C-alpha atoms as a PDB file:
ATOM      1  CA  UNK A   1      53.379 -24.218   2.759  1.00  0.00           C
ATOM      2  CA  UNK A   2      52.532 -25.610   6.189  1.00  0.00           C
ATOM      3  CA  UNK A   3      51.504 -23.091   8.843  1.00  0.00           C
ATOM      4  CA  UNK A   4      51.566 -23.510  12.613  1.00  0.00           C
ATOM      5  CA  UNK A   5      48.652 -21.827  14.348  1.00  0.00           C
ATOM      6  CA  UNK A   6      49.585 -22.546  17.947  1.00  0.00           C
ATOM      7  CA  UNK A   7      52.701 -22.479  20.075  1.00  0.00           C
ATOM      8  CA  UNK A   8      52.227 -26.150  20.923  1.00  0.00           C
ATOM      9  CA  UNK A   9      52.302 -27.106  17.235  1.00  0.00           C
ATOM     10  CA  UNK A  10      55.420 -25.034  16.646  1.00  0.00           C
ATOM     11  CA  UNK A  11      57.268 -26.435  19.643  1.00  0.00           C
ATOM     12  CA  UNK A  12      56.330 -29.996  18.724  1.00  0.00           C
ATOM     13  CA  UNK A  13      57.676 -29.416  15.204  1.00  0.00           C
ATOM     14  CA  UNK A  14      60.940 -28.322  16.836  1.00  0.00           C
ATOM     15  CA  UNK A  15      60.969 -31.494  18.928  1.00  0.00           C
ATOM     16  CA  UNK A  16      60.313 -29.526  22.116  1.00  0.00           C
ATOM     17  CA  UNK A  17      57.663 -29.443  24.817  1.00  0.00           C
ATOM     18  CA  UNK A  18      55.706 -26.222  25.217  1.00  0.00           C
ATOM     19  CA  UNK A  19      56.823 -24.419  28.405  1.00  0.00           C
ATOM     20  CA  UNK A  20      53.708 -23.821  30.545  1.00  0.00           C
ATOM     21  CA  UNK A  21      54.644 -20.178  31.146  1.00  0.00           C
ATOM     22  CA  UNK A  22      53.986 -19.472  27.465  1.00  0.00           C
ATOM     23  CA  UNK A  23      50.336 -20.540  27.536  1.00  0.00           C
ATOM     24  CA  UNK A  24      48.984 -17.232  28.942  1.00  0.00           C
ATOM     25  CA  UNK A  25      51.173 -15.313  26.483  1.00  0.00           C
ATOM     26  CA  UNK A  26      49.705 -17.183  23.541  1.00  0.00           C
ATOM     27  CA  UNK A  27      46.202 -16.641  24.895  1.00  0.00           C
ATOM     28  CA  UNK A  28      46.789 -12.885  24.616  1.00  0.00           C
ATOM     29  CA  UNK A  29      49.092 -12.780  21.577  1.00  0.00           C
ATOM     30  CA  UNK A  30      48.509 -15.819  19.334  1.00  0.00           C
ATOM     31  CA  UNK A  31      51.231 -17.663  17.441  1.00  0.00           C
ATOM     32  CA  UNK A  32      51.293 -17.973  13.662  1.00  0.00           C
ATOM     33  CA  UNK A  33      54.309 -18.943  11.560  1.00  0.00           C
ATOM     34  CA  UNK A  34      55.177 -21.175   8.651  1.00  0.00           C
ATOM     35  CA  UNK A  35      57.346 -24.221   8.176  1.00  0.00           C
ATOM     36  CA  UNK A  36      60.038 -22.327   6.269  1.00  0.00           C
ATOM     37  CA  UNK A  37      60.731 -19.821   9.044  1.00  0.00           C
ATOM     38  CA  UNK A  38      60.437 -22.437  11.778  1.00  0.00           C
ATOM     39  CA  UNK A  39      63.282 -24.393  10.166  1.00  0.00           C
ATOM     40  CA  UNK A  40      65.588 -21.382  10.620  1.00  0.00           C
ATOM     41  CA  UNK A  41      65.275 -21.744  14.417  1.00  0.00           C
ATOM     42  CA  UNK A  42      67.965 -23.525  16.430  1.00  0.00           C
ATOM     43  CA  UNK A  43      65.915 -25.745  18.785  1.00  0.00           C
ATOM     44  CA  UNK A  44      68.951 -26.509  20.947  1.00  0.00           C
ATOM     45  CA  UNK A  45      69.098 -22.889  22.109  1.00  0.00           C
ATOM     46  CA  UNK A  46      65.643 -21.594  21.288  1.00  0.00           C
ATOM     47  CA  UNK A  47      65.387 -19.198  24.240  1.00  0.00           C
ATOM     48  CA  UNK A  48      68.409 -17.252  22.986  1.00  0.00           C
ATOM     49  CA  UNK A  49      67.980 -17.882  19.275  1.00  0.00           C
ATOM     50  CA  UNK A  50      67.476 -14.596  17.352  1.00  0.00           C
ATOM     51  CA  UNK A  51      65.083 -16.249  14.918  1.00  0.00           C
ATOM     52  CA  UNK A  52      63.001 -17.873  17.656  1.00  0.00           C
ATOM     53  CA  UNK A  53      62.753 -14.589  19.543  1.00  0.00           C
ATOM     54  CA  UNK A  54      61.026 -13.025  16.544  1.00  0.00           C
ATOM     55  CA  UNK A  55      58.529 -15.864  16.100  1.00  0.00           C
ATOM     56  CA  UNK A  56      57.856 -17.590  19.427  1.00  0.00           C
ATOM     57  CA  UNK A  57      56.144 -16.062  22.487  1.00  0.00           C
ATOM     58  CA  UNK A  58      57.975 -14.935  25.602  1.00  0.00           C
ATOM     59  CA  UNK A  59      56.668 -14.130  29.118  1.00  0.00           C
ATOM     60  CA  UNK A  60      58.021 -10.578  28.788  1.00  0.00           C
ATOM     61  CA  UNK A  61      55.205  -9.809  26.337  1.00  0.00           C
ATOM     62  CA  UNK A  62      52.804  -9.689  29.292  1.00  0.00           C
ATOM     63  CA  UNK A  63      55.065  -7.631  31.561  1.00  0.00           C
ATOM     64  CA  UNK A  64      53.760  -4.290  30.309  1.00  0.00           C
ATOM     65  CA  UNK A  65      50.061  -3.537  30.713  1.00  0.00           C
ATOM     66  CA  UNK A  66      50.291   0.246  30.733  1.00  0.00           C
ATOM     67  CA  UNK A  67      51.589   1.074  27.252  1.00  0.00           C
ATOM     68  CA  UNK A  68      49.278   1.929  24.390  1.00  0.00           C
ATOM     69  CA  UNK A  69      48.481  -0.512  21.605  1.00  0.00           C
ATOM     70  CA  UNK A  70      48.578   2.452  19.219  1.00  0.00           C
ATOM     71  CA  UNK A  71      51.223   4.915  20.462  1.00  0.00           C
ATOM     72  CA  UNK A  72      51.729   6.256  16.930  1.00  0.00           C
ATOM     73  CA  UNK A  73      48.065   7.308  16.793  1.00  0.00           C
ATOM     74  CA  UNK A  74      47.436   5.565  13.477  1.00  0.00           C
ATOM     75  CA  UNK A  75      43.742   5.170  14.219  1.00  0.00           C
ATOM     76  CA  UNK A  76      43.444   8.937  14.668  1.00  0.00           C
ATOM     77  CA  UNK A  77      45.074   9.637  11.306  1.00  0.00           C
ATOM     78  CA  UNK A  78      42.764   7.596   9.114  1.00  0.00           C
ATOM     79  CA  UNK A  79      41.735   9.680   6.123  1.00  0.00           C
ATOM     80  CA  UNK A  80      39.387   6.887   5.096  1.00  0.00           C
ATOM     81  CA  UNK A  81      39.020   3.296   6.269  1.00  0.00           C
ATOM     82  CA  UNK A  82      42.407   1.597   5.681  1.00  0.00           C
ATOM     83  CA  UNK A  83      44.198   4.818   4.659  1.00  0.00           C
ATOM     84  CA  UNK A  84      46.600   6.565   7.074  1.00  0.00           C
ATOM     85  CA  UNK A  85      47.576  10.121   6.103  1.00  0.00           C
ATOM     86  CA  UNK A  86      50.362  11.430   8.341  1.00  0.00           C
ATOM     87  CA  UNK A  87      52.706  13.299   5.989  1.00  0.00           C
ATOM     88  CA  UNK A  88      51.636  15.782   3.344  1.00  0.00           C
ATOM     89  CA  UNK A  89      52.856  13.846   0.303  1.00  0.00           C
ATOM     90  CA  UNK A  90      52.400  10.185   1.259  1.00  0.00           C
ATOM     91  CA  UNK A  91      49.918   7.778   2.780  1.00  0.00           C
ATOM     92  CA  UNK A  92      49.802   4.197   4.049  1.00  0.00           C
ATOM     93  CA  UNK A  93      47.197   1.813   2.668  1.00  0.00           C
ATOM     94  CA  UNK A  94      46.446  -1.156   4.940  1.00  0.00           C
ATOM     95  CA  UNK A  95      45.581  -3.713   2.273  1.00  0.00           C
ATOM     96  CA  UNK A  96      45.203  -6.754   4.491  1.00  0.00           C
ATOM     97  CA  UNK A  97      45.630  -8.182   7.960  1.00  0.00           C
ATOM     98  CA  UNK A  98      47.272 -11.338   6.627  1.00  0.00           C
ATOM     99  CA  UNK A  99      50.898 -12.123   7.426  1.00  0.00           C
ATOM    100  CA  UNK A 100      53.096 -15.147   6.785  1.00  0.00           C
ATOM    101  CA  UNK A 101      54.150 -14.885  10.429  1.00  0.00           C
ATOM    102  CA  UNK A 102      53.089 -12.955  13.500  1.00  0.00           C
ATOM    103  CA  UNK A 103      56.318 -11.189  14.395  1.00  0.00           C
ATOM    104  CA  UNK A 104      56.492 -10.803  18.162  1.00  0.00           C
ATOM    105  CA  UNK A 105      57.749  -7.203  17.805  1.00  0.00           C
ATOM    106  CA  UNK A 106      54.859  -6.108  15.554  1.00  0.00           C
ATOM    107  CA  UNK A 107      53.854  -2.483  16.155  1.00  0.00           C
ATOM    108  CA  UNK A 108      50.345  -3.302  14.922  1.00  0.00           C
ATOM    109  CA  UNK A 109      49.915  -6.055  17.495  1.00  0.00           C
ATOM    110  CA  UNK A 110      46.564  -4.469  18.328  1.00  0.00           C
ATOM    111  CA  UNK A 111      45.180  -5.930  15.107  1.00  0.00           C
ATOM    112  CA  UNK A 112      46.024  -9.573  15.806  1.00  0.00           C
ATOM    113  CA  UNK A 113      43.003 -11.841  15.492  1.00  0.00           C
ATOM    114  CA  UNK A 114      42.477 -15.513  14.805  1.00  0.00           C
ATOM    115  CA  UNK A 115      40.676 -14.721  11.544  1.00  0.00           C
ATOM    116  CA  UNK A 116      43.439 -12.845   9.784  1.00  0.00           C
ATOM    117  CA  UNK A 117      42.383 -14.206   6.389  1.00  0.00           C
ATOM    118  CA  UNK A 118      39.067 -12.346   6.718  1.00  0.00           C
ATOM    119  CA  UNK A 119      40.729  -8.984   7.197  1.00  0.00           C
ATOM    120  CA  UNK A 120      41.353  -7.870   3.593  1.00  0.00           C
ATOM    121  CA  UNK A 121      40.464  -4.472   2.209  1.00  0.00           C
ATOM    122  CA  UNK A 122      36.982  -4.494   0.699  1.00  0.00           C
ATOM    123  CA  UNK A 123      35.996  -3.091  -2.689  1.00  0.00           C
ATOM    124  CA  UNK A 124      34.209  -0.231  -0.937  1.00  0.00           C
ATOM    125  CA  UNK A 125      37.249   0.574   1.211  1.00  0.00           C
ATOM    126  CA  UNK A 126      39.540   0.501  -1.822  1.00  0.00           C
ATOM    127  CA  UNK A 127      37.167   2.782  -3.721  1.00  0.00           C
ATOM    128  CA  UNK A 128      37.098   5.215  -0.785  1.00  0.00           C
ATOM    129  CA  UNK A 129      40.911   5.260  -0.661  1.00  0.00           C
ATOM    130  CA  UNK A 130      41.187   5.900  -4.404  1.00  0.00           C
ATOM    131  CA  UNK A 131      38.573   8.655  -4.183  1.00  0.00           C
ATOM    132  CA  UNK A 132      40.537  10.323  -1.374  1.00  0.00           C
ATOM    133  CA  UNK A 133      43.756  10.174  -3.394  1.00  0.00           C
ATOM    134  CA  UNK A 134      42.078  11.751  -6.408  1.00  0.00           C
ATOM    135  CA  UNK A 135      40.726  14.532  -4.213  1.00  0.00           C
ATOM    136  CA  UNK A 136      44.132  15.052  -2.570  1.00  0.00           C
ATOM    137  CA  UNK A 137      46.705  15.537  -5.354  1.00  0.00           C
ATOM    138  CA  UNK A 138      49.353  16.630  -2.840  1.00  0.00           C
ATOM    139  CA  UNK A 139      49.741  12.924  -2.055  1.00  0.00           C
ATOM    140  CA  UNK A 140      52.385  11.551  -4.427  1.00  0.00           C
ATOM    141  CA  UNK A 141      53.351   8.268  -2.767  1.00  0.00           C
ATOM    142  CA  UNK A 142      51.394   5.300  -1.429  1.00  0.00           C
ATOM    143  CA  UNK A 143      52.924   2.708   0.882  1.00  0.00           C
ATOM    144  CA  UNK A 144      50.893  -0.488   0.553  1.00  0.00           C
ATOM    145  CA  UNK A 145      51.206  -2.323   3.838  1.00  0.00           C
ATOM    146  CA  UNK A 146      49.121  -4.403   6.217  1.00  0.00           C
ATOM    147  CA  UNK A 147      49.626  -7.114   7.354  1.00  0.00           C
ATOM    148  CA  UNK A 148      51.606  -8.110   4.304  1.00  0.00           C
ATOM    149  CA  UNK A 149      50.145  -7.271   0.885  1.00  0.00           C
ATOM    150  CA  UNK A 150      52.057 -10.124  -0.762  1.00  0.00           C
ATOM    151  CA  UNK A 151      49.953 -12.565   1.269  1.00  0.00           C
ATOM    152  CA  UNK A 152      46.918 -11.587  -0.786  1.00  0.00           C
ATOM    153  CA  UNK A 153      45.805 -13.762  -3.699  1.00  0.00           C
ATOM    154  CA  UNK A 154      47.678 -12.507  -6.747  1.00  0.00           C
ATOM    155  CA  UNK A 155      44.575 -11.274  -8.584  1.00  0.00           C
ATOM    156  CA  UNK A 156      43.405  -9.297  -5.541  1.00  0.00           C
ATOM    157  CA  UNK A 157      46.859  -7.825  -5.018  1.00  0.00           C
ATOM    158  CA  UNK A 158      46.975  -6.784  -8.674  1.00  0.00           C
ATOM    159  CA  UNK A 159      43.540  -5.172  -8.436  1.00  0.00           C
ATOM    160  CA  UNK A 160      44.700  -3.044  -5.494  1.00  0.00           C
ATOM    161  CA  UNK A 161      47.987  -1.968  -7.091  1.00  0.00           C
ATOM    162  CA  UNK A 162      46.330  -1.211 -10.435  1.00  0.00           C
ATOM    163  CA  UNK A 163      43.747   0.961  -8.681  1.00  0.00           C
ATOM    164  CA  UNK A 164      46.423   2.988  -6.907  1.00  0.00           C
ATOM    165  CA  UNK A 165      48.629   3.215  -9.999  1.00  0.00           C
ATOM    166  CA  UNK A 166      45.637   4.542 -11.910  1.00  0.00           C
ATOM    167  CA  UNK A 167      45.539   7.724  -9.809  1.00  0.00           C
ATOM    168  CA  UNK A 168      47.275  10.326 -11.955  1.00  0.00           C
ATOM    169  CA  UNK A 169      48.962  12.201  -9.088  1.00  0.00           C
ATOM    170  CA  UNK A 170      50.653   9.092  -7.634  1.00  0.00           C
ATOM    171  CA  UNK A 171      54.324   8.893  -8.645  1.00  0.00           C
ATOM    172  CA  UNK A 172      55.597   6.225  -6.255  1.00  0.00           C
ATOM    173  CA  UNK A 173      54.150   2.990  -4.886  1.00  0.00           C
ATOM    174  CA  UNK A 174      56.004   1.127  -2.158  1.00  0.00           C
ATOM    175  CA  UNK A 175      55.146  -2.474  -1.336  1.00  0.00           C
ATOM    176  CA  UNK A 176      56.047  -3.112   2.314  1.00  0.00           C
ATOM    177  CA  UNK A 177      56.615  -6.829   2.738  1.00  0.00           C
ATOM    178  CA  UNK A 178      58.384  -9.347   4.924  1.00  0.00           C
ATOM    179  CA  UNK A 179      57.726 -12.155   2.437  1.00  0.00           C
ATOM    180  CA  UNK A 180      61.324 -12.335   1.098  1.00  0.00           C
ATOM    181  CA  UNK A 181      62.457 -13.043   4.670  1.00  0.00           C
ATOM    182  CA  UNK A 182      59.669 -15.331   5.890  1.00  0.00           C
ATOM    183  CA  UNK A 183      58.301 -17.035   2.757  1.00  0.00           C
ATOM    184  CA  UNK A 184      60.764 -16.297  -0.072  1.00  0.00           C
ATOM    185  CA  UNK A 185      59.387 -18.998  -2.373  1.00  0.00           C
ATOM    186  CA  UNK A 186      56.350 -16.762  -2.874  1.00  0.00           C
ATOM    187  CA  UNK A 187      58.477 -14.302  -4.890  1.00  0.00           C
ATOM    188  CA  UNK A 188      58.018 -15.905  -8.301  1.00  0.00           C
ATOM    189  CA  UNK A 189      58.458 -14.854 -11.918  1.00  0.00           C
ATOM    190  CA  UNK A 190      54.771 -14.021 -12.364  1.00  0.00           C
ATOM    191  CA  UNK A 191      54.833 -11.578  -9.452  1.00  0.00           C
ATOM    192  CA  UNK A 192      58.094  -9.966 -10.576  1.00  0.00           C
ATOM    193  CA  UNK A 193      56.852  -9.713 -14.153  1.00  0.00           C
ATOM    194  CA  UNK A 194      53.809  -7.812 -12.947  1.00  0.00           C
ATOM    195  CA  UNK A 195      55.657  -5.528 -10.525  1.00  0.00           C
ATOM    196  CA  UNK A 196      58.227  -4.478 -13.111  1.00  0.00           C
ATOM    197  CA  UNK A 197      55.453  -3.030 -15.285  1.00  0.00           C
ATOM    198  CA  UNK A 198      54.230  -0.595 -12.608  1.00  0.00           C
ATOM    199  CA  UNK A 199      55.943   2.823 -12.981  1.00  0.00           C
ATOM    200  CA  UNK A 200      57.554   4.153  -9.811  1.00  0.00           C
ATOM    201  CA  UNK A 201      57.143   0.911  -7.875  1.00  0.00           C
ATOM    202  CA  UNK A 202      59.563  -0.027  -5.084  1.00  0.00           C
ATOM    203  CA  UNK A 203      59.662  -3.046  -2.801  1.00  0.00           C
ATOM    204  CA  UNK A 204      60.559  -2.469   0.859  1.00  0.00           C
ATOM    205  CA  UNK A 205      61.695  -5.711   2.466  1.00  0.00           C
ATOM    206  CA  UNK A 206      62.231  -6.418   6.154  1.00  0.00           C
ATOM    207  CA  UNK A 207      65.258  -8.473   7.224  1.00  0.00           C
ATOM    208  CA  UNK A 208      66.386  -8.228  10.855  1.00  0.00           C
ATOM    209  CA  UNK A 209      69.157 -10.808  11.116  1.00  0.00           C
ATOM    210  CA  UNK A 210      71.749 -12.287   8.721  1.00  0.00           C
ATOM    211  CA  UNK A 211      70.418 -15.788   9.369  1.00  0.00           C
ATOM    212  CA  UNK A 212      67.189 -14.726   7.666  1.00  0.00           C
ATOM    213  CA  UNK A 213      69.199 -14.351   4.456  1.00  0.00           C
ATOM    214  CA  UNK A 214      69.024 -18.024   3.556  1.00  0.00           C
ATOM    215  CA  UNK A 215      69.785 -19.264   0.050  1.00  0.00           C
ATOM    216  CA  UNK A 216      66.046 -19.074  -0.712  1.00  0.00           C
ATOM    217  CA  UNK A 217      65.788 -15.520   0.628  1.00  0.00           C
ATOM    218  CA  UNK A 218      68.789 -14.432  -1.439  1.00  0.00           C
ATOM    219  CA  UNK A 219      67.166 -15.916  -4.552  1.00  0.00           C
ATOM    220  CA  UNK A 220      63.992 -13.945  -3.838  1.00  0.00           C
ATOM    221  CA  UNK A 221      65.950 -10.689  -3.580  1.00  0.00           C
ATOM    222  CA  UNK A 222      67.932 -11.451  -6.743  1.00  0.00           C
ATOM    223  CA  UNK A 223      64.727 -12.285  -8.607  1.00  0.00           C
ATOM    224  CA  UNK A 224      63.239  -8.896  -7.675  1.00  0.00           C
ATOM    225  CA  UNK A 225      66.261  -6.756  -8.529  1.00  0.00           C
ATOM    226  CA  UNK A 226      67.018  -8.729 -11.694  1.00  0.00           C
ATOM    227  CA  UNK A 227      63.505  -7.858 -12.856  1.00  0.00           C
ATOM    228  CA  UNK A 228      64.475  -4.197 -12.530  1.00  0.00           C
ATOM    229  CA  UNK A 229      62.533  -3.581  -9.322  1.00  0.00           C
ATOM    230  CA  UNK A 230      64.336  -1.312  -6.831  1.00  0.00           C
ATOM    231  CA  UNK A 231      64.480  -2.942  -3.402  1.00  0.00           C
ATOM    232  CA  UNK A 232      65.157  -1.320  -0.036  1.00  0.00           C
ATOM    233  CA  UNK A 233      65.193  -2.874   3.423  1.00  0.00           C
ATOM    234  CA  UNK A 234      64.070  -1.804   6.848  1.00  0.00           C
ATOM    235  CA  UNK A 235      65.350  -3.401  10.027  1.00  0.00           C
ATOM    236  CA  UNK A 236      64.042  -3.069  13.569  1.00  0.00           C
ATOM    237  CA  UNK A 237      66.695  -2.871  16.279  1.00  0.00           C
ATOM    238  CA  UNK A 238      65.689  -5.634  18.693  1.00  0.00           C
ATOM    239  CA  UNK A 239      67.219  -6.495  22.045  1.00  0.00           C
ATOM    240  CA  UNK A 240      68.543 -10.039  22.033  1.00  0.00           C
ATOM    241  CA  UNK A 241      68.129 -10.343  18.264  1.00  0.00           C
ATOM    242  CA  UNK A 242      70.380  -7.904  16.440  1.00  0.00           C
ATOM    243  CA  UNK A 243      71.582  -5.315  18.981  1.00  0.00           C
ATOM    244  CA  UNK A 244      75.202  -5.885  18.020  1.00  0.00           C
ATOM    245  CA  UNK A 245      77.241  -3.927  15.471  1.00  0.00           C
ATOM    246  CA  UNK A 246      78.941  -7.038  14.066  1.00  0.00           C
ATOM    247  CA  UNK A 247      75.603  -8.794  13.499  1.00  0.00           C
ATOM    248  CA  UNK A 248      74.074  -5.809  11.731  1.00  0.00           C
ATOM    249  CA  UNK A 249      77.235  -5.240   9.707  1.00  0.00           C
ATOM    250  CA  UNK A 250      76.956  -8.797   8.352  1.00  0.00           C
ATOM    251  CA  UNK A 251      73.311  -8.222   7.506  1.00  0.00           C
ATOM    252  CA  UNK A 252      73.813  -4.878   5.785  1.00  0.00           C
ATOM    253  CA  UNK A 253      76.882  -5.991   3.826  1.00  0.00           C
ATOM    254  CA  UNK A 254      74.992  -9.036   2.600  1.00  0.00           C
ATOM    255  CA  UNK A 255      71.987  -6.956   1.560  1.00  0.00           C
ATOM    256  CA  UNK A 256      74.083  -4.462  -0.397  1.00  0.00           C
ATOM    257  CA  UNK A 257      75.849  -7.324  -2.175  1.00  0.00           C
ATOM    258  CA  UNK A 258      72.377  -8.430  -3.311  1.00  0.00           C
ATOM    259  CA  UNK A 259      71.647  -4.840  -4.493  1.00  0.00           C
ATOM    260  CA  UNK A 260      69.185  -4.300  -1.648  1.00  0.00           C
ATOM    261  CA  UNK A 261      69.737  -0.902   0.003  1.00  0.00           C
ATOM    262  CA  UNK A 262      69.484  -0.785   3.812  1.00  0.00           C
ATOM    263  CA  UNK A 263      67.008   2.070   4.218  1.00  0.00           C
ATOM    264  CA  UNK A 264      65.907   2.327   7.861  1.00  0.00           C
ATOM    265  CA  UNK A 265      67.065   0.953  11.189  1.00  0.00           C
ATOM    266  CA  UNK A 266      64.143   1.598  13.534  1.00  0.00           C
ATOM    267  CA  UNK A 267      64.176   1.762  17.291  1.00  0.00           C
ATOM    268  CA  UNK A 268      61.339  -0.439  18.489  1.00  0.00           C
ATOM    269  CA  UNK A 269      58.066   1.381  19.115  1.00  0.00           C
ATOM    270  CA  UNK A 270      56.694   1.585  22.690  1.00  0.00           C
ATOM    271  CA  UNK A 271      53.775  -0.736  21.922  1.00  0.00           C
ATOM    272  CA  UNK A 272      52.188  -2.931  24.579  1.00  0.00           C
ATOM    273  CA  UNK A 273      53.601  -6.426  24.317  1.00  0.00           C
ATOM    274  CA  UNK A 274      56.694  -5.216  22.458  1.00  0.00           C
ATOM    275  CA  UNK A 275      58.619  -2.955  24.828  1.00  0.00           C
ATOM    276  CA  UNK A 276      60.888  -5.754  26.086  1.00  0.00           C
ATOM    277  CA  UNK A 277      62.622  -5.608  22.692  1.00  0.00           C
ATOM    278  CA  UNK A 278      63.679  -1.975  23.234  1.00  0.00           C
ATOM    279  CA  UNK A 279      67.463  -1.583  23.279  1.00  0.00           C
ATOM    280  CA  UNK A 280      67.457   2.086  24.185  1.00  0.00           C
ATOM    281  CA  UNK A 281      68.233   4.774  21.635  1.00  0.00           C
ATOM    282  CA  UNK A 282      71.808   5.127  22.835  1.00  0.00           C
ATOM    283  CA  UNK A 283      72.496   1.527  21.789  1.00  0.00           C
ATOM    284  CA  UNK A 284      71.471   2.326  18.234  1.00  0.00           C
ATOM    285  CA  UNK A 285      73.702   5.382  18.196  1.00  0.00           C
ATOM    286  CA  UNK A 286      76.577   3.316  19.548  1.00  0.00           C
ATOM    287  CA  UNK A 287      76.123   0.910  16.633  1.00  0.00           C
ATOM    288  CA  UNK A 288      76.116   3.778  14.132  1.00  0.00           C
ATOM    289  CA  UNK A 289      79.368   5.065  15.611  1.00  0.00           C
ATOM    290  CA  UNK A 290      80.891   1.620  15.136  1.00  0.00           C
ATOM    291  CA  UNK A 291      79.820   1.654  11.479  1.00  0.00           C
ATOM    292  CA  UNK A 292      81.481   4.968  10.618  1.00  0.00           C
ATOM    293  CA  UNK A 293      85.081   3.780  10.143  1.00  0.00           C
ATOM    294  CA  UNK A 294      84.305   0.370   8.674  1.00  0.00           C
ATOM    295  CA  UNK A 295      81.087   0.324   6.659  1.00  0.00           C
ATOM    296  CA  UNK A 296      80.327   2.001   3.336  1.00  0.00           C
ATOM    297  CA  UNK A 297      77.577   4.599   3.349  1.00  0.00           C
ATOM    298  CA  UNK A 298      75.744   2.369   0.861  1.00  0.00           C
ATOM    299  CA  UNK A 299      75.343  -0.159   3.654  1.00  0.00           C
ATOM    300  CA  UNK A 300      74.414   2.216   6.488  1.00  0.00           C
ATOM    301  CA  UNK A 301      70.678   2.792   7.009  1.00  0.00           C
ATOM    302  CA  UNK A 302      69.070   5.809   8.621  1.00  0.00           C
ATOM    303  CA  UNK A 303      68.525   5.214  12.340  1.00  0.00           C
ATOM    304  CA  UNK A 304      65.103   6.566  13.242  1.00  0.00           C
ATOM    305  CA  UNK A 305      62.326   6.582  15.789  1.00  0.00           C
ATOM    306  CA  UNK A 306      58.619   7.037  15.246  1.00  0.00           C
ATOM    307  CA  UNK A 307      57.394   9.753  17.561  1.00  0.00           C
ATOM    308  CA  UNK A 308      54.257   9.159  19.613  1.00  0.00           C
ATOM    309  CA  UNK A 309      51.016  11.021  18.965  1.00  0.00           C
ATOM    310  CA  UNK A 310      51.530  10.649  15.222  1.00  0.00           C
ATOM    311  CA  UNK A 311      54.586  12.893  15.222  1.00  0.00           C
ATOM    312  CA  UNK A 312      56.258  10.903  12.465  1.00  0.00           C
ATOM    313  CA  UNK A 313      59.779   9.641  11.912  1.00  0.00           C
ATOM    314  CA  UNK A 314      62.845  11.455  13.219  1.00  0.00           C
ATOM    315  CA  UNK A 315      66.323  10.472  12.046  1.00  0.00           C
ATOM    316  CA  UNK A 316      68.991  10.264  14.762  1.00  0.00           C
ATOM    317  CA  UNK A 317      72.733  10.720  14.435  1.00  0.00           C
ATOM    318  CA  UNK A 318      75.521   9.655  16.814  1.00  0.00           C
ATOM    319  CA  UNK A 319      76.052  13.224  18.021  1.00  0.00           C
ATOM    320  CA  UNK A 320      72.558  13.153  19.557  1.00  0.00           C
ATOM    321  CA  UNK A 321      72.321  13.213  23.366  1.00  0.00           C
ATOM    322  CA  UNK A 322      69.348  11.850  25.267  1.00  0.00           C
ATOM    323  CA  UNK A 323      68.900  14.962  27.404  1.00  0.00           C
ATOM    324  CA  UNK A 324      65.338  15.379  28.630  1.00  0.00           C
ATOM    325  CA  UNK A 325      63.961  12.942  26.100  1.00  0.00           C
ATOM    326  CA  UNK A 326      62.420  15.626  23.882  1.00  0.00           C
ATOM    327  CA  UNK A 327      62.817  15.697  20.122  1.00  0.00           C
ATOM    328  CA  UNK A 328      62.097  18.440  17.642  1.00  0.00           C
ATOM    329  CA  UNK A 329      59.369  17.445  15.226  1.00  0.00           C
ATOM    330  CA  UNK A 330      60.510  19.335  12.138  1.00  0.00           C
ATOM    331  CA  UNK A 331      57.255  18.668  10.304  1.00  0.00           C
ATOM    332  CA  UNK A 332      55.103  20.648  12.731  1.00  0.00           C
ATOM    333  CA  UNK A 333      57.877  22.742  14.319  1.00  0.00           C
ATOM    334  CA  UNK A 334      56.932  21.635  17.780  1.00  0.00           C
ATOM    335  CA  UNK A 335      58.471  19.502  20.504  1.00  0.00           C
ATOM    336  CA  UNK A 336      57.010  16.105  21.306  1.00  0.00           C
ATOM    337  CA  UNK A 337      58.010  14.215  24.411  1.00  0.00           C
ATOM    338  CA  UNK A 338      59.610  10.822  23.791  1.00  0.00           C
ATOM    339  CA  UNK A 339      59.933   8.621  26.840  1.00  0.00           C
ATOM    340  CA  UNK A 340      63.248   9.190  28.588  1.00  0.00           C
ATOM    341  CA  UNK A 341      63.096   5.580  29.791  1.00  0.00           C
ATOM    342  CA  UNK A 342      63.464   4.437  26.188  1.00  0.00           C
ATOM    343  CA  UNK A 343      66.623   6.454  25.638  1.00  0.00           C
ATOM    344  CA  UNK A 344      68.633   3.902  27.602  1.00  0.00           C
ATOM    345  CA  UNK A 345      68.521   0.159  28.117  1.00  0.00           C
ATOM    346  CA  UNK A 346      66.308  -0.427  31.158  1.00  0.00           C
ATOM    347  CA  UNK A 347      67.725  -3.888  31.803  1.00  0.00           C
ATOM    348  CA  UNK A 348      64.514  -5.743  30.939  1.00  0.00           C
ATOM    349  CA  UNK A 349      65.089  -9.369  30.023  1.00  0.00           C
ATOM    350  CA  UNK A 350      63.913 -10.475  26.574  1.00  0.00           C
ATOM    351  CA  UNK A 351      62.586 -13.812  27.801  1.00  0.00           C
END
């Protein structure tokens, strides 16, 4: 698979000249995508193309210099290097920094470097994570994330999963991956044959737009579910990409037809370099209202936000009102302020 490691390379492959206003954006937030995903872009309308907006830089990424790179306080919740422990019964293991594409809306944009391939979990870090899990039997579920764990060499990926699966108290392992959407050819029979043998293993995919469900992507999903692996999907609500009920309805109907359950629809996190994608919470609720009379509950995901300060996920329903921007954190029984400015569309342009 060919990868493009600069905006100039990507634009040239599209038959376009690199706009000079994108050079300072790339200097701060580098470009990295592969040939497969690039071919999904419509070069004739790239500024408005929902695929391009997820993969190519935009000046709006530099418009916000005040937001945190880690508003969810992940760094403060590290139980051991690479292991985030936020909820009592589950943890996140950051297995790698590798991705098949640098998504412009990434909430871990703070971790972007030019040497992504060097940023894999070490043997010592994996051993520390396993030791923590054995000492903390209340943890029953591990979400293996990154980066994208399916970008690891197969043998290394298997070593990590086997180590986690070997902890007696772990019932569920979730593999969080965007590979079916951005490099679906990587989902092969060898991988599926291995995954199906791991008890309690789920795959959590990440499709944001129906155009990402190409014939190759559909085959990848079918290959996973036909191997007996349960597959769920998370989508991020992104201004100028999928902030339209009809677009999301097409996506969710298509996923359910493939036996992939839409699990979460996330409001974008207030991360520096990402905020221009925020639709406002009320837009998400408006979309949920539109779904009620016309979309099966099988196809409707939970609309949620991640609270700042490590407050965790809160599910939102259409009867919610923005009010003073405060939400009840049911896990700690306290109120955490969520920015009122993100409850409504602030009119920021995506490009």
